[in-house]
Amino acid sequence: MTPALSSGLNTPDSQLESFLIVHPTSIGALALLSLPLLTRVQSENTLSYRGSTVDVSNGQFTVTPTVQSLMMIGMGGNNGSTLCAAILASRHNITWHTKSGMQQPNYIGSVLRASTVRIGAEAGTGKDVHVVGLSMDKAIEHARVLDWDLQRQVAPHMALLGKPLPSIYYPDFIAANQESRADDLIAGTDKQVHLNHLREDIRKFKAENALDRTVVFWTANTEHYSDIIPVVNDTADNLLAAINASHSEISPSSLFAVAAILEGEPFVNGAPQNTFVPGVIELAERHQSFIGGDNLKSGQTKLKSVLAEFLVNAGIKTLSVASYNHLGNNDGHNLSAEPQFKSKEISKSSVIGPKGVLASKGEHPDHIVVIQYVPAVGDSTKRAIDEYYSEIFCGGRSTINTFNECEDSLLATPLILDLTILTELLTRIQYRKLDSSAADTKFTALYPVLSLLSYMLKAPLVKAGTEVVNA
């Protein structure tokens, strides 16, 4: 009789394969859905943390901040399922076999979990304290991002998450090749009804999990760019009226953003499209609800933003940047359609721009972006090639070529984690101007557009007139 395969649920603790010590980036429970995101801070003195409760036991400090969570649009896709599986693997310290040996879960690639983050000061000394920082089981199998041995062990835990909630699907905004995947939908075509349904989903999710806050995060397909149309999406009132009339130019991502804003919850757009049309931004300002975007900056573009900044700071004038990449996951499949590709092209191209004394008025480097869908390479081997062609001393020319090969979803997933944590933190920050003539000025919340998230995004959304910081 063939013995049954063990899994993370049916294997006795004494036989678990997890004999490796916990990876430093996974120390401290990172919770999924309704549990606090930050726990266990080592210190010897009492720690205050923005009104959070702190329990001390045998030198271990358990910090319990506001109970918050993450709602992902696209939870069953590559990024969403990978993030859920990674959190569960870290929580249960599941190790797995690869061709290179035993692997343990970690959060490498996350700025907040894999680097040192200051979280407060010790009372009395004032010293800084730092911390190192389908059904879902079928979704990870379909995504084919994680090693099979990890999928096998984490699948029972993923199954307990159930299926993602039904969503909305407007075919005009997504590539036609995605239609077969749109199989769990909110019924009908009335966009006002859809908006009400999404708002109820947010309220129900918070109530069922006893949450103070949930961050709504778009990690679903890239949509085509929305046209900015007067009397449709140019103001908040026009946008709400257009939703009520089920206007064709109201995109799914904008509808999710409006639902989050009206419920007072932060919304982050991790895709390239212009979710935040003027009406959405005005609505966020009106309700003082936080928004951030656009497009996760993971591999090729992260390097591009750093290298472009380096060339400017070195006094070298970039004349052109030519970028090519191919990939075989569903993101690549969706981007093989021209309207969706244009959204990605605009987002990637926004990283390069004229800066400083090197650029004449109206001058801009030539910048082309090519993306090809190659199914055979899957998610594991996205390849990117860039050529930087620059002017140097006395009319000379310089060419720099870079080649980048990466696992796309494993670069993008930690950014979802970081953006969620930072977004929630920024919702709790208040400030006031130090002005002697107005000593009684009240503390106010930050401006609703969270430009502080810019570093992690390809096309950062910022307040009008504010300089973009993306390097």
Protein backbone atom coordinates (compact mmCIF):
# COMPACT_ATOMS: atom_id res chain seq x y z
CA MET A 1 0.00 0.00 0.00
CA THR A 2 1.45 3.35 -0.98
CA PRO A 3 1.90 5.58 2.10
CA ALA A 4 0.01 8.88 2.03
CA LEU A 5 2.05 12.02 1.57
CA SER A 6 2.50 14.07 4.71
CA SER A 7 1.37 17.66 4.84
CA GLY A 8 1.54 20.61 7.18
CA LEU A 9 -1.67 19.46 8.86
CA ASN A 10 -1.41 15.67 9.10
CA THR A 11 2.28 15.28 9.97
CA PRO A 12 2.98 14.85 13.70
CA ASP A 13 5.17 17.57 15.19
CA SER A 14 7.86 14.98 15.90
CA GLN A 15 8.10 14.15 12.18
CA LEU A 16 7.88 17.65 10.70
CA GLU A 17 10.65 18.44 8.25
CA SER A 18 11.24 21.85 9.91
CA PHE A 19 14.50 21.18 11.68
CA LEU A 20 16.08 24.48 10.57
CA ILE A 21 16.00 27.44 12.93
CA VAL A 22 13.54 30.20 12.05
CA HIS A 23 14.92 32.59 9.44
CA PRO A 24 15.71 36.04 10.96
CA THR A 25 13.22 37.76 8.64
CA SER A 26 10.44 35.47 9.88
CA ILE A 27 10.99 36.06 13.60
CA GLY A 28 7.79 37.46 15.06
CA ALA A 29 4.42 36.25 13.90
CA LEU A 30 3.21 37.91 10.75
CA ALA A 31 -0.51 37.36 10.73
CA LEU A 32 -2.90 36.71 7.93
CA LEU A 33 -6.28 38.45 7.93
CA SER A 34 -7.20 39.46 11.47
CA LEU A 35 -4.12 39.11 13.66
CA PRO A 36 -1.64 41.89 14.51
CA LEU A 37 1.12 42.30 11.96
CA LEU A 38 3.85 43.02 14.50
CA THR A 39 4.77 40.91 17.55
CA ARG A 40 7.72 40.15 19.83
CA VAL A 41 10.19 42.94 20.34
CA GLN A 42 13.16 42.16 22.56
CA SER A 43 14.16 44.78 25.11
CA GLU A 44 14.66 45.20 28.84
CA ASN A 45 12.53 48.27 29.43
CA THR A 46 8.97 49.31 28.85
CA LEU A 47 8.24 50.27 25.27
CA SER A 48 5.59 52.74 24.18
CA TYR A 49 4.24 52.36 20.67
CA ARG A 50 1.57 54.83 19.62
CA GLY A 51 -0.99 53.70 22.17
CA SER A 52 -0.50 49.98 21.51
CA THR A 53 -0.64 47.47 24.34
CA VAL A 54 2.63 45.85 25.41
CA ASP A 55 2.89 42.61 27.39
CA VAL A 56 6.20 41.68 29.02
CA SER A 57 7.13 38.07 29.82
CA ASN A 58 10.65 36.72 30.40
CA GLY A 59 12.23 39.57 28.50
CA GLN A 60 9.88 39.14 25.54
CA PHE A 61 7.74 42.13 24.59
CA THR A 62 4.54 41.41 22.71
CA VAL A 63 3.33 44.56 20.96
CA THR A 64 -0.32 44.49 19.90
CA PRO A 65 -1.07 47.38 17.55
CA THR A 66 -4.37 48.18 15.87
CA VAL A 67 -6.05 45.03 14.58
CA GLN A 68 -5.79 45.30 10.81
CA SER A 69 -5.86 43.16 7.72
CA LEU A 70 -5.43 43.06 3.97
CA MET A 71 -8.10 42.53 1.31
CA MET A 72 -6.51 41.69 -2.05
CA ILE A 73 -8.30 42.03 -5.36
CA GLY A 74 -6.65 39.18 -7.24
CA MET A 75 -6.05 37.11 -4.11
CA GLY A 76 -6.22 33.89 -6.14
CA GLY A 77 -3.64 35.08 -8.67
CA ASN A 78 0.13 34.58 -8.62
CA ASN A 79 0.98 37.43 -6.23
CA GLY A 80 -1.99 37.00 -3.90
CA SER A 81 -1.71 33.23 -3.48
CA THR A 82 2.07 33.46 -3.09
CA LEU A 83 1.77 36.04 -0.30
CA CYS A 84 -0.80 33.95 1.58
CA ALA A 85 1.30 30.80 1.24
CA ALA A 86 4.48 32.60 2.36
CA ILE A 87 2.81 34.00 5.49
CA LEU A 88 1.40 30.58 6.40
CA ALA A 89 4.72 28.85 5.71
CA SER A 90 6.48 31.33 8.01
CA ARG A 91 3.81 31.01 10.69
CA HIS A 92 4.19 27.21 10.76
CA ASN A 93 7.94 27.24 9.94
CA ILE A 94 7.42 24.82 7.06
CA THR A 95 10.66 23.84 5.33
CA TRP A 96 10.84 22.14 1.95
CA HIS A 97 13.22 20.34 -0.36
CA THR A 98 14.59 21.96 -3.52
CA LYS A 99 17.25 20.81 -5.96
CA SER A 100 19.68 23.04 -4.01
CA GLY A 101 18.84 21.54 -0.62
CA MET A 102 16.54 22.38 2.28
CA GLN A 103 14.80 25.76 2.10
CA GLN A 104 13.05 27.65 4.88
CA PRO A 105 10.45 30.44 4.62
CA ASN A 106 11.66 34.04 4.78
CA TYR A 107 10.72 37.57 3.80
CA ILE A 108 13.81 38.44 1.79
CA GLY A 109 12.87 41.26 -0.56
CA SER A 110 10.69 42.99 2.02
CA VAL A 111 12.15 46.29 3.21
CA LEU A 112 10.26 46.08 6.49
CA ARG A 113 10.81 42.40 7.26
CA ALA A 114 14.28 41.82 5.85
CA SER A 115 15.93 45.02 7.03
CA THR A 116 16.19 46.80 10.36
CA VAL A 117 13.27 49.08 11.17
CA ARG A 118 13.07 51.53 14.05
CA ILE A 119 9.78 51.08 15.93
CA GLY A 120 10.20 53.26 19.01
CA ALA A 121 12.35 54.21 21.97
CA GLU A 122 12.99 52.70 25.37
CA ALA A 123 11.42 54.65 28.21
CA GLY A 124 14.02 56.26 30.45
CA THR A 125 17.04 55.83 28.18
CA GLY A 126 15.55 57.22 24.99
CA LYS A 127 17.50 54.65 22.95
CA ASP A 128 16.01 53.48 19.69
CA VAL A 129 14.50 50.01 19.55
CA HIS A 130 14.61 48.14 16.25
CA VAL A 131 13.02 44.94 14.97
CA VAL A 132 14.39 42.79 12.16
CA GLY A 133 12.29 42.93 10.35
CA LEU A 134 -9.87 28.40 -7.07
CA SER A 135 -9.68 27.60 -3.42
CA MET A 136 -6.44 29.00 -2.26
CA ASP A 137 -4.68 25.63 -2.14
CA LYS A 138 -5.52 25.17 -5.80
CA ALA A 139 -4.54 28.77 -6.56
CA ILE A 140 -0.90 28.20 -5.58
CA GLU A 141 -0.87 25.01 -7.65
CA HIS A 142 -2.21 26.90 -10.67
CA ALA A 143 0.22 29.81 -10.20
CA ARG A 144 3.26 27.47 -10.21
CA VAL A 145 5.40 30.03 -8.40
CA LEU A 146 6.44 28.14 -5.25
CA ASP A 147 8.40 24.89 -5.14
CA TRP A 148 6.18 21.81 -5.20
CA ASP A 149 7.34 20.53 -1.83
CA LEU A 150 6.32 23.82 -0.19
CA GLN A 151 2.99 23.77 -2.06
CA ARG A 152 2.35 20.24 -0.74
CA GLN A 153 2.96 21.19 2.88
CA VAL A 154 1.21 24.56 2.92
CA ALA A 155 -1.82 23.47 0.84
CA PRO A 156 -3.92 22.28 3.83
CA HIS A 157 -3.42 25.65 5.53
CA MET A 158 -4.28 27.47 2.30
CA ALA A 159 -7.45 25.38 1.94
CA LEU A 160 -8.67 26.76 5.27
CA LEU A 161 -8.74 30.23 3.70
CA GLY A 162 -11.47 29.04 1.35
CA LYS A 163 -12.15 30.72 -1.96
CA PRO A 164 -11.63 34.41 -2.75
CA LEU A 165 -14.81 36.51 -2.72
CA PRO A 166 -16.67 36.92 -6.02
CA SER A 167 -15.49 39.93 -8.00
CA ILE A 168 -16.56 42.14 -10.89
CA TYR A 169 -15.52 41.71 -14.50
CA TYR A 170 -15.94 44.27 -17.28
CA PRO A 171 -14.55 42.64 -20.45
CA ASP A 172 -13.64 45.93 -22.14
CA PHE A 173 -10.96 46.63 -19.53
CA ILE A 174 -9.15 43.27 -19.56
CA ALA A 175 -7.57 41.33 -22.42
CA ALA A 176 -9.98 38.96 -24.17
CA ASN A 177 -7.67 36.05 -23.33
CA GLN A 178 -8.62 36.42 -19.66
CA GLU A 179 -12.33 35.69 -20.10
CA SER A 180 -12.03 31.99 -19.20
CA ARG A 181 -10.50 32.94 -15.82
CA ALA A 182 -13.43 35.20 -14.88
CA ASP A 183 -15.50 32.41 -13.37
CA ASP A 184 -16.60 33.70 -9.95
CA LEU A 185 -18.43 36.97 -10.51
CA ILE A 186 -20.92 39.29 -8.84
CA ALA A 187 -24.05 38.98 -10.95
CA GLY A 188 -25.40 41.65 -13.27
CA THR A 189 -24.04 44.72 -15.03
CA ASP A 190 -25.36 47.49 -12.76
CA LYS A 191 -22.27 49.28 -11.45
CA GLN A 192 -24.12 50.93 -8.57
CA VAL A 193 -25.26 47.50 -7.40
CA HIS A 194 -21.66 46.27 -7.76
CA LEU A 195 -20.39 49.21 -5.71
CA ASN A 196 -22.89 48.49 -2.94
CA HIS A 197 -21.90 44.81 -3.00
CA LEU A 198 -18.18 45.65 -2.66
CA ARG A 199 -18.85 48.03 0.23
CA GLU A 200 -20.87 45.34 1.98
CA ASP A 201 -18.03 42.84 1.45
CA ILE A 202 -15.61 45.23 3.17
CA ARG A 203 -17.96 45.82 6.10
CA LYS A 204 -18.70 42.11 6.49
CA PHE A 205 -15.01 41.18 6.31
CA LYS A 206 -14.15 43.66 9.06
CA ALA A 207 -17.05 42.59 11.28
CA GLU A 208 -16.41 38.84 10.93
CA ASN A 209 -12.73 39.26 11.81
CA ALA A 210 -13.17 42.02 14.46
CA LEU A 211 -10.92 44.40 12.54
CA ASP A 212 -10.16 48.05 13.18
CA ARG A 213 -8.69 48.56 9.73
CA THR A 214 -8.33 46.75 6.42
CA VAL A 215 -6.12 47.78 3.51
CA VAL A 216 -7.74 47.08 0.13
CA PHE A 217 -5.06 46.18 -2.42
CA TRP A 218 -5.38 45.75 -6.20
CA THR A 219 -3.09 42.93 -7.33
CA ALA A 220 -5.36 41.76 -10.13
CA ASN A 221 -4.96 42.11 -13.90
CA THR A 222 -3.71 45.23 -15.65
CA GLU A 223 -6.59 47.20 -17.17
CA HIS A 224 -6.44 49.51 -20.15
CA TYR A 225 -6.01 53.21 -19.41
CA SER A 226 -9.29 55.00 -18.70
CA ASP A 227 -10.13 58.07 -20.75
CA ILE A 228 -10.63 61.21 -18.66
CA ILE A 229 -14.06 62.38 -19.78
CA PRO A 230 -15.72 65.64 -18.66
CA VAL A 231 -18.95 65.07 -16.71
CA VAL A 232 -18.00 61.38 -16.24
CA ASN A 233 -14.88 60.90 -14.12
CA ASP A 234 -13.37 64.38 -13.84
CA THR A 235 -14.93 65.22 -10.45
CA ALA A 236 -16.14 63.22 -7.47
CA ASP A 237 -19.80 64.06 -8.02
CA ASN A 238 -19.61 63.26 -11.73
CA LEU A 239 -17.89 59.96 -10.96
CA LEU A 240 -20.58 58.89 -8.48
CA ALA A 241 -23.28 59.84 -10.97
CA ALA A 242 -21.49 57.89 -13.73
CA ILE A 243 -21.33 54.82 -11.47
CA ASN A 244 -25.04 55.12 -10.81
CA ALA A 245 -25.59 55.28 -14.59
CA SER A 246 -23.24 52.30 -15.17
CA HIS A 247 -21.10 54.36 -17.55
CA SER A 248 -18.80 52.22 -19.69
CA GLU A 249 -15.64 54.15 -18.74
CA ILE A 250 -15.85 53.24 -15.02
CA SER A 251 -13.22 50.53 -14.54
CA PRO A 252 -13.32 47.68 -12.02
CA SER A 253 -10.26 49.01 -10.16
CA SER A 254 -11.80 52.50 -9.87
CA LEU A 255 -14.99 50.93 -8.51
CA PHE A 256 -12.99 49.03 -5.87
CA ALA A 257 -11.17 52.26 -4.99
CA VAL A 258 -14.46 54.14 -4.58
CA ALA A 259 -15.83 51.33 -2.38
CA ALA A 260 -12.77 51.50 -0.11
CA ILE A 261 -12.87 55.31 0.04
CA LEU A 262 -16.55 55.41 0.96
CA GLU A 263 -15.90 52.82 3.69
CA GLY A 264 -12.98 54.89 5.02
CA GLU A 265 -10.39 52.22 4.22
CA PRO A 266 -7.04 52.73 2.42
CA PHE A 267 -6.73 51.54 -1.18
CA VAL A 268 -3.44 50.73 -2.94
CA ASN A 269 -3.19 50.09 -6.67
CA GLY A 270 -0.44 47.61 -7.49
CA ALA A 271 -1.09 47.61 -11.25
CA PRO A 272 -0.18 50.12 -14.02
CA GLN A 273 -3.59 51.47 -15.06
CA ASN A 274 -4.85 54.94 -14.06
CA THR A 275 -7.28 53.73 -11.39
CA PHE A 276 -7.06 57.12 -9.71
CA VAL A 277 -8.85 59.28 -12.25
CA PRO A 278 -9.44 62.89 -11.04
CA GLY A 279 -12.86 62.00 -9.63
CA VAL A 280 -11.42 59.23 -7.45
CA ILE A 281 -8.70 61.52 -6.08
CA GLU A 282 -11.24 64.26 -5.30
CA LEU A 283 -13.46 61.70 -3.56
CA ALA A 284 -10.50 60.55 -1.42
CA GLU A 285 -9.78 64.17 -0.50
CA ARG A 286 -13.42 64.77 0.41
CA HIS A 287 -13.57 61.72 2.70
CA GLN A 288 -9.98 62.02 3.97
CA SER A 289 -9.49 58.40 2.92
CA PHE A 290 -6.02 57.20 1.94
CA ILE A 291 -4.97 56.04 -1.52
CA GLY A 292 -1.61 55.01 -3.03
CA GLY A 293 -0.24 53.74 -6.35
CA ASP A 294 0.61 52.91 -9.07
CA ASN A 295 2.29 49.65 -10.15
CA LEU A 296 4.63 47.55 -8.03
CA LYS A 297 8.28 48.32 -8.77
CA SER A 298 9.99 44.97 -8.44
CA GLY A 299 12.76 43.98 -10.85
CA GLN A 300 13.80 45.70 -14.06
CA THR A 301 12.21 49.06 -13.23
CA LYS A 302 13.68 49.16 -9.71
CA LEU A 303 17.16 48.82 -11.20
CA LYS A 304 16.27 51.34 -13.92
CA SER A 305 15.21 54.01 -11.42
CA VAL A 306 18.44 53.58 -9.46
CA LEU A 307 20.69 53.56 -12.53
CA ALA A 308 18.95 56.57 -14.09
CA GLU A 309 19.47 58.52 -10.86
CA PHE A 310 23.12 57.44 -10.76
CA LEU A 311 23.75 58.68 -14.32
CA VAL A 312 22.23 62.08 -13.54
CA ASN A 313 24.22 62.41 -10.31
CA ALA A 314 27.39 61.43 -12.21
CA GLY A 315 26.80 64.31 -14.64
CA ILE A 316 26.06 61.96 -17.54
CA LYS A 317 23.22 62.86 -19.91
CA THR A 318 20.97 59.94 -20.81
CA LEU A 319 19.86 60.18 -24.45
CA SER A 320 17.85 56.98 -24.71
CA VAL A 321 16.80 53.88 -22.83
CA ALA A 322 15.62 50.78 -24.70
CA SER A 323 13.97 48.09 -22.57
CA TYR A 324 12.97 44.57 -23.58
CA ASN A 325 11.50 41.83 -21.41
CA HIS A 326 9.63 38.57 -21.86
CA LEU A 327 7.75 36.42 -19.40
CA GLY A 328 5.31 33.54 -19.44
CA ASN A 329 2.92 34.04 -16.52
CA ASN A 330 -0.66 35.29 -16.70
CA ASP A 331 0.49 38.89 -16.33
CA GLY A 332 2.43 38.46 -19.55
CA HIS A 333 -0.58 36.83 -21.21
CA ASN A 334 -2.80 39.77 -20.29
CA LEU A 335 -0.16 42.29 -21.42
CA SER A 336 0.04 40.64 -24.83
CA ALA A 337 -3.10 42.64 -25.67
CA GLU A 338 -2.24 46.13 -26.92
CA PRO A 339 -4.57 48.23 -24.66
CA GLN A 340 -3.26 46.55 -21.49
CA PHE A 341 0.33 46.77 -22.72
CA LYS A 342 -0.05 50.55 -23.19
CA SER A 343 -0.84 50.89 -19.47
CA LYS A 344 2.35 49.01 -18.61
CA GLU A 345 4.38 50.97 -21.16
CA ILE A 346 3.26 54.31 -19.72
CA SER A 347 4.02 53.15 -16.18
CA LYS A 348 7.49 51.80 -16.99
CA SER A 349 8.37 54.85 -19.11
CA SER A 350 7.55 57.30 -16.32
CA VAL A 351 10.67 56.25 -14.39
CA ILE A 352 12.97 58.03 -16.87
CA GLY A 353 12.69 61.80 -17.26
CA PRO A 354 14.71 64.99 -17.75
CA LYS A 355 16.45 66.19 -14.60
CA GLY A 356 18.69 69.05 -13.58
CA VAL A 357 20.89 71.21 -15.78
CA LEU A 358 21.57 68.36 -18.23
CA ALA A 359 18.15 68.59 -19.87
CA SER A 360 17.02 71.52 -21.95
CA LYS A 361 13.45 72.77 -21.64
CA GLY A 362 11.08 70.32 -23.28
CA GLU A 363 13.85 67.74 -23.78
CA HIS A 364 13.20 64.13 -22.81
CA PRO A 365 15.26 60.96 -23.32
CA ASP A 366 13.98 58.52 -25.94
CA HIS A 367 12.48 55.60 -24.04
CA ILE A 368 10.97 52.48 -25.57
CA VAL A 369 9.54 49.46 -23.77
CA VAL A 370 8.91 46.04 -25.32
CA ILE A 371 7.13 43.19 -23.51
CA GLN A 372 6.67 39.76 -25.09
CA TYR A 373 4.61 36.82 -23.85
CA VAL A 374 6.56 33.52 -23.97
CA PRO A 375 4.43 30.82 -22.27
CA ALA A 376 7.28 28.29 -22.03
CA VAL A 377 9.25 30.31 -19.46
CA GLY A 378 6.33 30.56 -17.00
CA ASP A 379 6.74 32.77 -13.93
CA SER A 380 10.19 31.54 -12.98
CA THR A 381 12.38 33.15 -15.61
CA LYS A 382 11.33 36.66 -16.54
CA ARG A 383 14.18 38.11 -18.60
CA ALA A 384 14.86 41.81 -19.05
CA ILE A 385 17.48 43.62 -21.14
CA ASP A 386 18.11 47.38 -21.00
CA GLU A 387 20.41 49.61 -23.02
CA TYR A 388 21.33 53.05 -21.64
CA TYR A 389 22.78 55.32 -24.33
CA SER A 390 24.28 58.54 -22.94
CA GLU A 391 26.24 61.64 -23.88
CA ILE A 392 29.54 62.14 -22.09
CA PHE A 393 32.41 64.65 -22.21
CA CYS A 394 32.82 66.78 -25.33
CA GLY A 395 30.23 64.94 -27.44
CA GLY A 396 31.34 61.42 -26.60
CA ARG A 397 28.92 58.53 -26.20
CA SER A 398 28.58 55.79 -23.61
CA THR A 399 26.47 52.63 -23.68
CA ILE A 400 25.57 50.51 -20.65
CA ASN A 401 23.74 47.20 -21.10
CA THR A 402 22.10 45.27 -18.29
CA PHE A 403 20.57 41.78 -18.20
CA ASN A 404 18.16 40.80 -15.44
CA GLU A 405 16.62 37.37 -14.86
CA CYS A 406 14.17 36.94 -12.02
CA GLU A 407 11.13 35.17 -10.62
CA ASP A 408 8.56 37.90 -11.09
CA SER A 409 6.00 37.07 -8.41
CA LEU A 410 8.67 36.42 -5.76
CA LEU A 411 9.93 39.98 -6.28
CA ALA A 412 6.47 41.55 -6.31
CA THR A 413 4.96 39.71 -3.33
CA PRO A 414 7.14 41.28 -0.58
CA LEU A 415 6.16 44.72 -1.91
CA ILE A 416 2.50 43.97 -1.20
CA LEU A 417 3.50 43.20 2.37
CA ASP A 418 5.57 46.38 2.76
CA LEU A 419 2.99 48.64 1.14
CA THR A 420 0.23 47.23 3.35
CA ILE A 421 2.18 47.77 6.57
CA LEU A 422 3.36 51.26 5.59
CA THR A 423 -0.10 52.30 4.42
CA GLU A 424 -1.68 51.27 7.70
CA LEU A 425 1.06 53.05 9.65
CA LEU A 426 0.59 56.27 7.67
CA THR A 427 -3.13 56.30 8.45
CA ARG A 428 -2.22 56.74 12.14
CA ILE A 429 0.29 59.56 11.72
CA GLN A 430 -0.80 63.14 12.46
CA TYR A 431 1.22 66.33 12.19
CA ARG A 432 1.04 70.09 12.68
CA LYS A 433 3.18 73.00 11.56
CA LEU A 434 5.46 74.61 14.14
CA ASP A 435 4.38 78.22 13.85
CA SER A 436 4.77 80.61 16.76
CA SER A 437 1.86 82.67 15.49
CA ALA A 438 -0.40 79.64 15.58
CA ALA A 439 0.64 77.71 18.67
CA ASP A 440 -2.78 76.12 19.07
CA THR A 441 -2.77 74.56 15.58
CA LYS A 442 -4.40 71.14 15.76
CA PHE A 443 -2.78 67.94 14.60
CA THR A 444 -4.16 66.71 11.29
CA ALA A 445 -3.86 63.51 9.29
CA LEU A 446 -1.59 63.23 6.26
CA TYR A 447 -2.83 64.24 2.82
CA PRO A 448 -4.92 61.37 1.38
CA VAL A 449 -2.53 60.66 -1.52
CA LEU A 450 0.28 58.70 0.18
CA SER A 451 3.29 59.90 -1.81
CA LEU A 452 5.56 58.37 0.86
CA LEU A 453 4.90 55.01 -0.84
CA SER A 454 6.65 56.27 -4.00
CA TYR A 455 9.87 54.28 -3.57
CA MET A 456 8.07 50.97 -4.08
CA LEU A 457 6.01 52.01 -7.11
CA LYS A 458 6.81 52.50 -10.81
CA ALA A 459 4.49 55.46 -11.40
CA PRO A 460 4.05 57.07 -7.97
CA LEU A 461 0.83 58.95 -7.32
CA VAL A 462 1.63 62.24 -5.59
CA LYS A 463 -0.14 65.44 -4.64
CA ALA A 464 -0.43 67.87 -7.55
CA GLY A 465 2.74 69.97 -7.79
CA THR A 466 4.77 67.55 -5.65
CA GLU A 467 8.01 66.11 -7.00
CA VAL A 468 8.07 62.35 -7.49
CA VAL A 469 10.62 60.42 -5.42
CA ASN A 470 11.18 57.03 -7.02
CA ALA A 471 14.90 56.29 -6.73
